[in-house]
Amino acid sequence: MIRVVLSAVCMLLVSCSATSRLSDVERAKLDPALQRLLAQDRIDEKEYDTSVRADGSKEYGLSVRSNNADEMRKAGIRVSSVFGDVVTVRVTLDELRKLVRLGSVRSIQNSSSNYPQ
């Protein structure tokens, strides 16, 4: 019985790690800051436009180049605004992984907050 449970857990872990990996094409859609964020590599929180949702999950402000905001909405991505082919969104890391896999998405850039000096 324990072997069956351990086997099931191992298979689950392998499938989860495989789905979280990005292809080269998907990775190329992301700017370097977002690539680091998904890899959890050398992250400086000040580099990102973050907020916390009511459920406690962290979300990131992003600018997306796409000609199909409706595809994002259908995928469960909350679209903030659309101006031509630029779409602004606020997404969790899981939603970012979903977003980068959409066919209409050409590139995704980290939003930055601008402050007067």
PDB file of N, CA and C in Angstrom:
ATOM      1  N   MET A   1       0.818  -1.193   0.000  1.00  0.00           N
ATOM      2  CA  MET A   1       0.000   0.000   0.000  1.00  0.00           C
ATOM      3  C   MET A   1       0.865   1.261   0.000  1.00  0.00           C
ATOM      4  N   ILE A   2       1.904   1.250   0.823  1.00  0.00           N
ATOM      5  CA  ILE A   2       2.784   2.417   0.890  1.00  0.00           C
ATOM      6  C   ILE A   2       3.484   2.635  -0.449  1.00  0.00           C
ATOM      7  N   ARG A   3       3.865   1.551  -1.115  1.00  0.00           N
ATOM      8  CA  ARG A   3       4.512   1.684  -2.427  1.00  0.00           C
ATOM      9  C   ARG A   3       3.586   2.334  -3.442  1.00  0.00           C
ATOM     10  N   VAL A   4       2.321   1.969  -3.385  1.00  0.00           N
ATOM     11  CA  VAL A   4       1.345   2.540  -4.319  1.00  0.00           C
ATOM     12  C   VAL A   4       1.214   4.045  -4.081  1.00  0.00           C
ATOM     13  N   VAL A   5       1.119   4.434  -2.820  1.00  0.00           N
ATOM     14  CA  VAL A   5       0.995   5.849  -2.482  1.00  0.00           C
ATOM     15  C   VAL A   5       2.244   6.608  -2.904  1.00  0.00           C
ATOM     16  N   LEU A   6       3.431   6.056  -2.604  1.00  0.00           N
ATOM     17  CA  LEU A   6       4.681   6.711  -2.993  1.00  0.00           C
ATOM     18  C   LEU A   6       4.802   6.834  -4.509  1.00  0.00           C
ATOM     19  N   SER A   7       4.408   5.798  -5.217  1.00  0.00           N
ATOM     20  CA  SER A   7       4.441   5.847  -6.685  1.00  0.00           C
ATOM     21  C   SER A   7       3.523   6.937  -7.218  1.00  0.00           C
ATOM     22  N   ALA A   8       2.340   7.031  -6.637  1.00  0.00           N
ATOM     23  CA  ALA A   8       1.384   8.051  -7.076  1.00  0.00           C
ATOM     24  C   ALA A   8       1.923   9.448  -6.796  1.00  0.00           C
ATOM     25  N   VAL A   9       2.535   9.650  -5.632  1.00  0.00           N
ATOM     26  CA  VAL A   9       3.101  10.953  -5.293  1.00  0.00           C
ATOM     27  C   VAL A   9       4.240  11.297  -6.249  1.00  0.00           C
ATOM     28  N   CYS A  10       5.099  10.345  -6.536  1.00  0.00           N
ATOM     29  CA  CYS A  10       6.213  10.585  -7.468  1.00  0.00           C
ATOM     30  C   CYS A  10       5.700  10.966  -8.856  1.00  0.00           C
ATOM     31  N   MET A  11       4.685  10.250  -9.327  1.00  0.00           N
ATOM     32  CA  MET A  11       4.126  10.561 -10.649  1.00  0.00           C
ATOM     33  C   MET A  11       3.514  11.953 -10.657  1.00  0.00           C
ATOM     34  N   LEU A  12       2.862  12.332  -9.573  1.00  0.00           N
ATOM     35  CA  LEU A  12       2.271  13.651  -9.480  1.00  0.00           C
ATOM     36  C   LEU A  12       3.347  14.733  -9.509  1.00  0.00           C
ATOM     37  N   LEU A  13       4.421  14.525  -8.755  1.00  0.00           N
ATOM     38  CA  LEU A  13       5.511  15.502  -8.732  1.00  0.00           C
ATOM     39  C   LEU A  13       6.156  15.655 -10.099  1.00  0.00           C
ATOM     40  N   VAL A  14       6.377  14.562 -10.782  1.00  0.00           N
ATOM     41  CA  VAL A  14       6.989  14.614 -12.113  1.00  0.00           C
ATOM     42  C   VAL A  14       6.077  15.346 -13.082  1.00  0.00           C
ATOM     43  N   SER A  15       4.775  15.060 -13.038  1.00  0.00           N
ATOM     44  CA  SER A  15       3.863  15.722 -13.968  1.00  0.00           C
ATOM     45  C   SER A  15       3.749  17.203 -13.660  1.00  0.00           C
ATOM     46  N   CYS A  16       3.770  17.579 -12.374  1.00  0.00           N
ATOM     47  CA  CYS A  16       3.698  18.999 -12.018  1.00  0.00           C
ATOM     48  C   CYS A  16       4.941  19.742 -12.481  1.00  0.00           C
ATOM     49  N   SER A  17       6.110  19.158 -12.292  1.00  0.00           N
ATOM     50  CA  SER A  17       7.326  19.846 -12.716  1.00  0.00           C
ATOM     51  C   SER A  17       7.398  19.945 -14.224  1.00  0.00           C
ATOM     52  N   ALA A  18       6.881  18.953 -14.927  1.00  0.00           N
ATOM     53  CA  ALA A  18       6.900  18.998 -16.387  1.00  0.00           C
ATOM     54  C   ALA A  18       5.983  20.091 -16.908  1.00  0.00           C
ATOM     55  N   THR A  19       4.829  20.308 -16.261  1.00  0.00           N
ATOM     56  CA  THR A  19       3.912  21.332 -16.745  1.00  0.00           C
ATOM     57  C   THR A  19       4.394  22.730 -16.395  1.00  0.00           C
ATOM     58  N   SER A  20       5.246  22.857 -15.378  1.00  0.00           N
ATOM     59  CA  SER A  20       5.712  24.183 -15.013  1.00  0.00           C
ATOM     60  C   SER A  20       6.892  24.637 -15.868  1.00  0.00           C
ATOM     61  N   ARG A  21       7.502  23.750 -16.599  1.00  0.00           N
ATOM     62  CA  ARG A  21       8.613  24.116 -17.479  1.00  0.00           C
ATOM     63  C   ARG A  21       8.084  24.757 -18.744  1.00  0.00           C
ATOM     64  N   LEU A  22       8.847  25.715 -19.221  1.00  0.00           N
ATOM     65  CA  LEU A  22       8.447  26.408 -20.442  1.00  0.00           C
ATOM     66  C   LEU A  22       9.294  25.951 -21.613  1.00  0.00           C
ATOM     67  N   SER A  23       8.688  25.940 -22.784  1.00  0.00           N
ATOM     68  CA  SER A  23       9.452  25.639 -23.993  1.00  0.00           C
ATOM     69  C   SER A  23      10.309  26.855 -24.328  1.00  0.00           C
ATOM     70  N   ASP A  24      11.227  26.687 -25.255  1.00  0.00           N
ATOM     71  CA  ASP A  24      12.066  27.807 -25.690  1.00  0.00           C
ATOM     72  C   ASP A  24      11.221  28.922 -26.303  1.00  0.00           C
ATOM     73  N   VAL A  25      10.187  28.550 -27.049  1.00  0.00           N
ATOM     74  CA  VAL A  25       9.301  29.539 -27.671  1.00  0.00           C
ATOM     75  C   VAL A  25       8.555  30.320 -26.602  1.00  0.00           C
ATOM     76  N   GLU A  26       8.055  29.624 -25.581  1.00  0.00           N
ATOM     77  CA  GLU A  26       7.336  30.298 -24.493  1.00  0.00           C
ATOM     78  C   GLU A  26       8.274  31.199 -23.696  1.00  0.00           C
ATOM     79  N   ARG A  27       9.463  30.709 -23.401  1.00  0.00           N
ATOM     80  CA  ARG A  27      10.439  31.490 -22.643  1.00  0.00           C
ATOM     81  C   ARG A  27      10.829  32.765 -23.404  1.00  0.00           C
ATOM     82  N   ALA A  28      10.918  32.670 -24.721  1.00  0.00           N
ATOM     83  CA  ALA A  28      11.295  33.824 -25.540  1.00  0.00           C
ATOM     84  C   ALA A  28      10.238  34.937 -25.496  1.00  0.00           C
ATOM     85  N   LYS A  29       9.009  34.613 -25.135  1.00  0.00           N
ATOM     86  CA  LYS A  29       7.952  35.615 -25.028  1.00  0.00           C
ATOM     87  C   LYS A  29       8.125  36.493 -23.787  1.00  0.00           C
ATOM     88  N   LEU A  30       8.888  36.033 -22.813  1.00  0.00           N
ATOM     89  CA  LEU A  30       9.033  36.719 -21.534  1.00  0.00           C
ATOM     90  C   LEU A  30      10.265  37.605 -21.493  1.00  0.00           C
ATOM     91  N   ASP A  31      10.149  38.774 -20.883  1.00  0.00           N
ATOM     92  CA  ASP A  31      11.340  39.598 -20.689  1.00  0.00           C
ATOM     93  C   ASP A  31      12.202  38.950 -19.596  1.00  0.00           C
ATOM     94  N   PRO A  32      13.466  39.344 -19.487  1.00  0.00           N
ATOM     95  CA  PRO A  32      14.375  38.695 -18.525  1.00  0.00           C
ATOM     96  C   PRO A  32      13.870  38.700 -17.073  1.00  0.00           C
ATOM     97  N   ALA A  33      13.234  39.788 -16.643  1.00  0.00           N
ATOM     98  CA  ALA A  33      12.732  39.850 -15.263  1.00  0.00           C
ATOM     99  C   ALA A  33      11.674  38.785 -15.019  1.00  0.00           C
ATOM    100  N   LEU A  34      10.812  38.545 -16.002  1.00  0.00           N
ATOM    101  CA  LEU A  34       9.769  37.527 -15.843  1.00  0.00           C
ATOM    102  C   LEU A  34      10.347  36.116 -15.944  1.00  0.00           C
ATOM    103  N   GLN A  35      11.379  35.936 -16.749  1.00  0.00           N
ATOM    104  CA  GLN A  35      12.050  34.638 -16.792  1.00  0.00           C
ATOM    105  C   GLN A  35      12.641  34.313 -15.422  1.00  0.00           C
ATOM    106  N   ARG A  36      13.281  35.298 -14.789  1.00  0.00           N
ATOM    107  CA  ARG A  36      13.836  35.088 -13.440  1.00  0.00           C
ATOM    108  C   ARG A  36      12.732  34.802 -12.427  1.00  0.00           C
ATOM    109  N   LEU A  37      11.610  35.521 -12.562  1.00  0.00           N
ATOM    110  CA  LEU A  37      10.500  35.332 -11.632  1.00  0.00           C
ATOM    111  C   LEU A  37       9.976  33.903 -11.689  1.00  0.00           C
ATOM    112  N   LEU A  38       9.752  33.394 -12.888  1.00  0.00           N
ATOM    113  CA  LEU A  38       9.242  32.022 -13.013  1.00  0.00           C
ATOM    114  C   LEU A  38      10.265  30.988 -12.580  1.00  0.00           C
ATOM    115  N   ALA A  39      11.548  31.297 -12.759  1.00  0.00           N
ATOM    116  CA  ALA A  39      12.601  30.372 -12.336  1.00  0.00           C
ATOM    117  C   ALA A  39      12.918  30.529 -10.853  1.00  0.00           C
ATOM    118  N   GLN A  40      12.308  31.563 -10.218  1.00  0.00           N
ATOM    119  CA  GLN A  40      12.588  31.865  -8.813  1.00  0.00           C
ATOM    120  C   GLN A  40      14.081  32.089  -8.600  1.00  0.00           C
ATOM    121  N   ASP A  41      14.679  32.794  -9.549  1.00  0.00           N
ATOM    122  CA  ASP A  41      16.124  33.020  -9.558  1.00  0.00           C
ATOM    123  C   ASP A  41      16.443  34.498  -9.374  1.00  0.00           C
ATOM    124  N   ARG A  42      17.198  34.851  -8.339  1.00  0.00           N
ATOM    125  CA  ARG A  42      17.644  36.226  -8.088  1.00  0.00           C
ATOM    126  C   ARG A  42      16.516  37.239  -8.205  1.00  0.00           C
ATOM    127  N   ILE A  43      15.490  37.077  -7.404  1.00  0.00           N
ATOM    128  CA  ILE A  43      14.324  37.943  -7.464  1.00  0.00           C
ATOM    129  C   ILE A  43      14.470  39.095  -6.480  1.00  0.00           C
ATOM    130  N   ASP A  44      14.303  40.304  -6.979  1.00  0.00           N
ATOM    131  CA  ASP A  44      14.235  41.492  -6.142  1.00  0.00           C
ATOM    132  C   ASP A  44      12.807  42.012  -6.277  1.00  0.00           C
ATOM    133  N   GLU A  45      12.022  41.885  -5.216  1.00  0.00           N
ATOM    134  CA  GLU A  45      10.607  42.251  -5.258  1.00  0.00           C
ATOM    135  C   GLU A  45      10.381  43.688  -5.733  1.00  0.00           C
ATOM    136  N   LYS A  46      11.343  44.571  -5.520  1.00  0.00           N
ATOM    137  CA  LYS A  46      11.189  45.963  -5.947  1.00  0.00           C
ATOM    138  C   LYS A  46      11.149  46.086  -7.463  1.00  0.00           C
ATOM    139  N   GLU A  47      11.594  45.056  -8.146  1.00  0.00           N
ATOM    140  CA  GLU A  47      11.645  45.054  -9.608  1.00  0.00           C
ATOM    141  C   GLU A  47      10.263  44.820 -10.231  1.00  0.00           C
ATOM    142  N   TYR A  48       9.288  44.418  -9.419  1.00  0.00           N
ATOM    143  CA  TYR A  48       7.981  44.017  -9.930  1.00  0.00           C
ATOM    144  C   TYR A  48       6.869  44.888  -9.365  1.00  0.00           C
ATOM    145  N   ASP A  49       5.834  45.073 -10.167  1.00  0.00           N
ATOM    146  CA  ASP A  49       4.624  45.777  -9.747  1.00  0.00           C
ATOM    147  C   ASP A  49       3.707  44.718  -9.131  1.00  0.00           C
ATOM    148  N   THR A  50       3.736  44.599  -7.813  1.00  0.00           N
ATOM    149  CA  THR A  50       2.978  43.542  -7.144  1.00  0.00           C
ATOM    150  C   THR A  50       1.848  44.114  -6.302  1.00  0.00           C
ATOM    151  N   SER A  51       0.851  43.290  -6.106  1.00  0.00           N
ATOM    152  CA  SER A  51      -0.229  43.579  -5.172  1.00  0.00           C
ATOM    153  C   SER A  51      -0.737  42.234  -4.666  1.00  0.00           C
ATOM    154  N   VAL A  52      -1.581  42.285  -3.647  1.00  0.00           N
ATOM    155  CA  VAL A  52      -2.114  41.063  -3.056  1.00  0.00           C
ATOM    156  C   VAL A  52      -3.624  41.049  -3.248  1.00  0.00           C
ATOM    157  N   ARG A  53      -4.122  39.941  -3.756  1.00  0.00           N
ATOM    158  CA  ARG A  53      -5.557  39.781  -3.953  1.00  0.00           C
ATOM    159  C   ARG A  53      -6.256  39.506  -2.619  1.00  0.00           C
ATOM    160  N   ALA A  54      -7.560  39.588  -2.642  1.00  0.00           N
ATOM    161  CA  ALA A  54      -8.358  39.356  -1.430  1.00  0.00           C
ATOM    162  C   ALA A  54      -8.122  37.961  -0.854  1.00  0.00           C
ATOM    163  N   ASP A  55      -7.801  36.990  -1.726  1.00  0.00           N
ATOM    164  CA  ASP A  55      -7.559  35.620  -1.248  1.00  0.00           C
ATOM    165  C   ASP A  55      -6.130  35.425  -0.734  1.00  0.00           C
ATOM    166  N   GLY A  56      -5.323  36.491  -0.784  1.00  0.00           N
ATOM    167  CA  GLY A  56      -3.956  36.419  -0.273  1.00  0.00           C
ATOM    168  C   GLY A  56      -2.904  36.082  -1.309  1.00  0.00           C
ATOM    169  N   SER A  57      -3.307  35.789  -2.524  1.00  0.00           N
ATOM    170  CA  SER A  57      -2.322  35.455  -3.559  1.00  0.00           C
ATOM    171  C   SER A  57      -1.698  36.724  -4.131  1.00  0.00           C
ATOM    172  N   LYS A  58      -0.421  36.634  -4.450  1.00  0.00           N
ATOM    173  CA  LYS A  58       0.318  37.766  -5.012  1.00  0.00           C
ATOM    174  C   LYS A  58       0.067  37.823  -6.510  1.00  0.00           C
ATOM    175  N   GLU A  59      -0.126  39.040  -7.009  1.00  0.00           N
ATOM    176  CA  GLU A  59      -0.315  39.225  -8.442  1.00  0.00           C
ATOM    177  C   GLU A  59       0.678  40.261  -8.958  1.00  0.00           C
ATOM    178  N   TYR A  60       0.969  40.151 -10.241  1.00  0.00           N
ATOM    179  CA  TYR A  60       1.977  40.977 -10.893  1.00  0.00           C
ATOM    180  C   TYR A  60       1.338  41.743 -12.045  1.00  0.00           C
ATOM    181  N   GLY A  61       1.694  43.022 -12.169  1.00  0.00           N
ATOM    182  CA  GLY A  61       1.218  43.829 -13.280  1.00  0.00           C
ATOM    183  C   GLY A  61       2.104  43.608 -14.494  1.00  0.00           C
ATOM    184  N   LEU A  62       1.482  43.329 -15.636  1.00  0.00           N
ATOM    185  CA  LEU A  62       2.223  43.013 -16.854  1.00  0.00           C
ATOM    186  C   LEU A  62       1.619  43.715 -18.057  1.00  0.00           C
ATOM    187  N   SER A  63       2.450  43.927 -19.072  1.00  0.00           N
ATOM    188  CA  SER A  63       2.003  44.417 -20.377  1.00  0.00           C
ATOM    189  C   SER A  63       2.200  43.285 -21.369  1.00  0.00           C
ATOM    190  N   VAL A  64       1.155  42.996 -22.115  1.00  0.00           N
ATOM    191  CA  VAL A  64       1.164  41.864 -23.039  1.00  0.00           C
ATOM    192  C   VAL A  64       0.939  42.369 -24.455  1.00  0.00           C
ATOM    193  N   ARG A  65       1.712  41.867 -25.393  1.00  0.00           N
ATOM    194  CA  ARG A  65       1.473  42.145 -26.817  1.00  0.00           C
ATOM    195  C   ARG A  65       0.658  40.984 -27.371  1.00  0.00           C
ATOM    196  N   SER A  66      -0.564  41.298 -27.793  1.00  0.00           N
ATOM    197  CA  SER A  66      -1.461  40.276 -28.324  1.00  0.00           C
ATOM    198  C   SER A  66      -2.543  40.965 -29.136  1.00  0.00           C
ATOM    199  N   ASN A  67      -3.040  40.276 -30.136  1.00  0.00           N
ATOM    200  CA  ASN A  67      -4.138  40.820 -30.917  1.00  0.00           C
ATOM    201  C   ASN A  67      -5.466  40.174 -30.542  1.00  0.00           C
ATOM    202  N   ASN A  68      -5.491  39.477 -29.375  1.00  0.00           N
ATOM    203  CA  ASN A  68      -6.704  38.754 -28.997  1.00  0.00           C
ATOM    204  C   ASN A  68      -6.891  38.752 -27.477  1.00  0.00           C
ATOM    205  N   ALA A  69      -7.381  39.844 -26.943  1.00  0.00           N
ATOM    206  CA  ALA A  69      -7.633  39.925 -25.496  1.00  0.00           C
ATOM    207  C   ALA A  69      -8.721  38.949 -25.072  1.00  0.00           C
ATOM    208  N   ASP A  70      -9.641  38.625 -25.983  1.00  0.00           N
ATOM    209  CA  ASP A  70     -10.710  37.683 -25.635  1.00  0.00           C
ATOM    210  C   ASP A  70     -10.167  36.292 -25.324  1.00  0.00           C
ATOM    211  N   GLU A  71      -9.084  35.897 -26.016  1.00  0.00           N
ATOM    212  CA  GLU A  71      -8.469  34.599 -25.731  1.00  0.00           C
ATOM    213  C   GLU A  71      -7.961  34.572 -24.282  1.00  0.00           C
ATOM    214  N   MET A  72      -7.421  35.689 -23.830  1.00  0.00           N
ATOM    215  CA  MET A  72      -6.941  35.784 -22.449  1.00  0.00           C
ATOM    216  C   MET A  72      -8.110  35.676 -21.471  1.00  0.00           C
ATOM    217  N   ARG A  73      -9.178  36.401 -21.759  1.00  0.00           N
ATOM    218  CA  ARG A  73     -10.356  36.356 -20.884  1.00  0.00           C
ATOM    219  C   ARG A  73     -10.912  34.942 -20.789  1.00  0.00           C
ATOM    220  N   LYS A  74     -10.979  34.248 -21.925  1.00  0.00           N
ATOM    221  CA  LYS A  74     -11.497  32.877 -21.943  1.00  0.00           C
ATOM    222  C   LYS A  74     -10.608  31.933 -21.135  1.00  0.00           C
ATOM    223  N   ALA A  75      -9.313  32.267 -21.035  1.00  0.00           N
ATOM    224  CA  ALA A  75      -8.370  31.455 -20.267  1.00  0.00           C
ATOM    225  C   ALA A  75      -8.415  31.792 -18.773  1.00  0.00           C
ATOM    226  N   GLY A  76      -9.275  32.748 -18.410  1.00  0.00           N
ATOM    227  CA  GLY A  76      -9.401  33.105 -17.005  1.00  0.00           C
ATOM    228  C   GLY A  76      -8.484  34.224 -16.554  1.00  0.00           C
ATOM    229  N   ILE A  77      -7.859  34.916 -17.503  1.00  0.00           N
ATOM    230  CA  ILE A  77      -6.969  36.029 -17.195  1.00  0.00           C
ATOM    231  C   ILE A  77      -7.815  37.306 -17.104  1.00  0.00           C
ATOM    232  N   ARG A  78      -7.641  38.049 -16.020  1.00  0.00           N
ATOM    233  CA  ARG A  78      -8.371  39.307 -15.864  1.00  0.00           C
ATOM    234  C   ARG A  78      -7.640  40.414 -16.621  1.00  0.00           C
ATOM    235  N   VAL A  79      -8.281  40.921 -17.644  1.00  0.00           N
ATOM    236  CA  VAL A  79      -7.713  41.978 -18.482  1.00  0.00           C
ATOM    237  C   VAL A  79      -8.073  43.323 -17.873  1.00  0.00           C
ATOM    238  N   SER A  80      -7.067  44.180 -17.672  1.00  0.00           N
ATOM    239  CA  SER A  80      -7.312  45.508 -17.110  1.00  0.00           C
ATOM    240  C   SER A  80      -7.645  46.518 -18.197  1.00  0.00           C
ATOM    241  N   SER A  81      -6.841  46.526 -19.277  1.00  0.00           N
ATOM    242  CA  SER A  81      -7.086  47.477 -20.360  1.00  0.00           C
ATOM    243  C   SER A  81      -6.525  46.937 -21.664  1.00  0.00           C
ATOM    244  N   VAL A  82      -7.059  47.490 -22.755  1.00  0.00           N
ATOM    245  CA  VAL A  82      -6.601  47.120 -24.100  1.00  0.00           C
ATOM    246  C   VAL A  82      -6.429  48.397 -24.896  1.00  0.00           C
ATOM    247  N   PHE A  83      -5.253  48.555 -25.498  1.00  0.00           N
ATOM    248  CA  PHE A  83      -4.984  49.691 -26.369  1.00  0.00           C
ATOM    249  C   PHE A  83      -4.234  49.160 -27.581  1.00  0.00           C
ATOM    250  N   GLY A  84      -4.938  49.002 -28.684  1.00  0.00           N
ATOM    251  CA  GLY A  84      -4.327  48.382 -29.861  1.00  0.00           C
ATOM    252  C   GLY A  84      -3.952  46.949 -29.547  1.00  0.00           C
ATOM    253  N   ASP A  85      -2.672  46.621 -29.719  1.00  0.00           N
ATOM    254  CA  ASP A  85      -2.231  45.255 -29.425  1.00  0.00           C
ATOM    255  C   ASP A  85      -1.543  45.145 -28.064  1.00  0.00           C
ATOM    256  N   VAL A  86      -1.685  46.184 -27.222  1.00  0.00           N
ATOM    257  CA  VAL A  86      -1.118  46.150 -25.876  1.00  0.00           C
ATOM    258  C   VAL A  86      -2.250  45.904 -24.880  1.00  0.00           C
ATOM    259  N   VAL A  87      -2.071  44.857 -24.088  1.00  0.00           N
ATOM    260  CA  VAL A  87      -3.075  44.467 -23.098  1.00  0.00           C
ATOM    261  C   VAL A  87      -2.401  44.489 -21.731  1.00  0.00           C
ATOM    262  N   THR A  88      -3.012  45.161 -20.776  1.00  0.00           N
ATOM    263  CA  THR A  88      -2.457  45.139 -19.419  1.00  0.00           C
ATOM    264  C   THR A  88      -3.263  44.161 -18.583  1.00  0.00           C
ATOM    265  N   VAL A  89      -2.532  43.407 -17.756  1.00  0.00           N
ATOM    266  CA  VAL A  89      -3.149  42.380 -16.915  1.00  0.00           C
ATOM    267  C   VAL A  89      -2.478  42.379 -15.547  1.00  0.00           C
ATOM    268  N   ARG A  90      -3.137  41.781 -14.575  1.00  0.00           N
ATOM    269  CA  ARG A  90      -2.550  41.496 -13.262  1.00  0.00           C
ATOM    270  C   ARG A  90      -2.787  40.011 -13.049  1.00  0.00           C
ATOM    271  N   VAL A  91      -1.688  39.248 -12.923  1.00  0.00           N
ATOM    272  CA  VAL A  91      -1.793  37.794 -12.870  1.00  0.00           C
ATOM    273  C   VAL A  91      -0.945  37.205 -11.747  1.00  0.00           C
ATOM    274  N   THR A  92      -1.349  36.025 -11.292  1.00  0.00           N
ATOM    275  CA  THR A  92      -0.535  35.240 -10.378  1.00  0.00           C
ATOM    276  C   THR A  92       0.505  34.487 -11.204  1.00  0.00           C
ATOM    277  N   LEU A  93       1.425  33.810 -10.551  1.00  0.00           N
ATOM    278  CA  LEU A  93       2.428  33.029 -11.292  1.00  0.00           C
ATOM    279  C   LEU A  93       1.776  31.922 -12.109  1.00  0.00           C
ATOM    280  N   ASP A  94       0.763  31.259 -11.551  1.00  0.00           N
ATOM    281  CA  ASP A  94       0.067  30.205 -12.310  1.00  0.00           C
ATOM    282  C   ASP A  94      -0.620  30.785 -13.539  1.00  0.00           C
ATOM    283  N   GLU A  95      -1.232  31.955 -13.389  1.00  0.00           N
ATOM    284  CA  GLU A  95      -1.885  32.593 -14.528  1.00  0.00           C
ATOM    285  C   GLU A  95      -0.862  33.060 -15.560  1.00  0.00           C
ATOM    286  N   LEU A  96       0.324  33.470 -15.101  1.00  0.00           N
ATOM    287  CA  LEU A  96       1.388  33.851 -16.029  1.00  0.00           C
ATOM    288  C   LEU A  96       1.803  32.653 -16.876  1.00  0.00           C
ATOM    289  N   ARG A  97       1.922  31.490 -16.261  1.00  0.00           N
ATOM    290  CA  ARG A  97       2.263  30.277 -17.026  1.00  0.00           C
ATOM    291  C   ARG A  97       1.184  29.964 -18.062  1.00  0.00           C
ATOM    292  N   LYS A  98      -0.069  30.181 -17.700  1.00  0.00           N
ATOM    293  CA  LYS A  98      -1.180  29.975 -18.633  1.00  0.00           C
ATOM    294  C   LYS A  98      -1.113  30.993 -19.768  1.00  0.00           C
ATOM    295  N   LEU A  99      -0.839  32.237 -19.409  1.00  0.00           N
ATOM    296  CA  LEU A  99      -0.800  33.337 -20.368  1.00  0.00           C
ATOM    297  C   LEU A  99       0.276  33.125 -21.426  1.00  0.00           C
ATOM    298  N   VAL A 100       1.455  32.699 -21.011  1.00  0.00           N
ATOM    299  CA  VAL A 100       2.569  32.549 -21.950  1.00  0.00           C
ATOM    300  C   VAL A 100       2.303  31.422 -22.954  1.00  0.00           C
ATOM    301  N   ARG A 101       1.414  30.504 -22.627  1.00  0.00           N
ATOM    302  CA  ARG A 101       1.105  29.391 -23.527  1.00  0.00           C
ATOM    303  C   ARG A 101       0.032  29.721 -24.566  1.00  0.00           C
ATOM    304  N   LEU A 102      -0.601  30.878 -24.446  1.00  0.00           N
ATOM    305  CA  LEU A 102      -1.647  31.256 -25.401  1.00  0.00           C
ATOM    306  C   LEU A 102      -1.032  31.620 -26.749  1.00  0.00           C
ATOM    307  N   GLY A 103      -1.648  31.154 -27.805  1.00  0.00           N
ATOM    308  CA  GLY A 103      -1.122  31.356 -29.148  1.00  0.00           C
ATOM    309  C   GLY A 103      -1.062  32.804 -29.603  1.00  0.00           C
ATOM    310  N   SER A 104      -2.014  33.615 -29.170  1.00  0.00           N
ATOM    311  CA  SER A 104      -2.047  35.007 -29.632  1.00  0.00           C
ATOM    312  C   SER A 104      -1.048  35.903 -28.898  1.00  0.00           C
ATOM    313  N   VAL A 105      -0.479  35.421 -27.814  1.00  0.00           N
ATOM    314  CA  VAL A 105       0.463  36.233 -27.034  1.00  0.00           C
ATOM    315  C   VAL A 105       1.825  36.220 -27.716  1.00  0.00           C
ATOM    316  N   ARG A 106       2.311  37.425 -28.072  1.00  0.00           N
ATOM    317  CA  ARG A 106       3.611  37.540 -28.730  1.00  0.00           C
ATOM    318  C   ARG A 106       4.729  37.845 -27.749  1.00  0.00           C
ATOM    319  N   SER A 107       4.431  38.671 -26.742  1.00  0.00           N
ATOM    320  CA  SER A 107       5.443  38.985 -25.735  1.00  0.00           C
ATOM    321  C   SER A 107       4.764  39.458 -24.458  1.00  0.00           C
ATOM    322  N   ILE A 108       5.492  39.293 -23.346  1.00  0.00           N
ATOM    323  CA  ILE A 108       4.992  39.715 -22.042  1.00  0.00           C
ATOM    324  C   ILE A 108       6.117  40.474 -21.347  1.00  0.00           C
ATOM    325  N   GLN A 109       5.796  41.668 -20.881  1.00  0.00           N
ATOM    326  CA  GLN A 109       6.790  42.496 -20.214  1.00  0.00           C
ATOM    327  C   GLN A 109       6.345  42.828 -18.788  1.00  0.00           C
ATOM    328  N   ASN A 110       7.310  42.857 -17.923  1.00  0.00           N
ATOM    329  CA  ASN A 110       7.091  43.283 -16.561  1.00  0.00           C
ATOM    330  C   ASN A 110       6.716  44.750 -16.550  1.00  0.00           C
ATOM    331  N   SER A 111       5.668  45.093 -15.828  1.00  0.00           N
ATOM    332  CA  SER A 111       5.324  46.503 -15.655  1.00  0.00           C
ATOM    333  C   SER A 111       6.224  47.076 -14.585  1.00  0.00           C
ATOM    334  N   SER A 112       6.457  48.343 -14.661  1.00  0.00           N
ATOM    335  CA  SER A 112       7.240  48.980 -13.620  1.00  0.00           C
ATOM    336  C   SER A 112       6.474  50.185 -13.115  1.00  0.00           C
ATOM    337  N   SER A 113       6.683  50.498 -11.876  1.00  0.00           N
ATOM    338  CA  SER A 113       6.053  51.674 -11.294  1.00  0.00           C
ATOM    339  C   SER A 113       6.987  52.851 -11.481  1.00  0.00           C
ATOM    340  N   ASN A 114       6.469  53.952 -11.953  1.00  0.00           N
ATOM    341  CA  ASN A 114       7.273  55.156 -12.131  1.00  0.00           C
ATOM    342  C   ASN A 114       6.922  56.161 -11.045  1.00  0.00           C
ATOM    343  N   TYR A 115       7.941  56.703 -10.455  1.00  0.00           N
ATOM    344  CA  TYR A 115       7.762  57.688  -9.391  1.00  0.00           C
ATOM    345  C   TYR A 115       8.512  58.961  -9.746  1.00  0.00           C
ATOM    346  N   PRO A 116       7.965  60.125  -9.395  1.00  0.00           N
ATOM    347  CA  PRO A 116       8.703  61.370  -9.637  1.00  0.00           C
ATOM    348  C   PRO A 116       9.951  61.411  -8.790  1.00  0.00           C
ATOM    349  N   GLN A 117      10.975  62.045  -9.305  1.00  0.00           N
ATOM    350  CA  GLN A 117      12.228  62.111  -8.561  1.00  0.00           C
ATOM    351  C   GLN A 117      12.376  63.435  -7.847  1.00  0.00           C
TER     352      GLN A 117
END
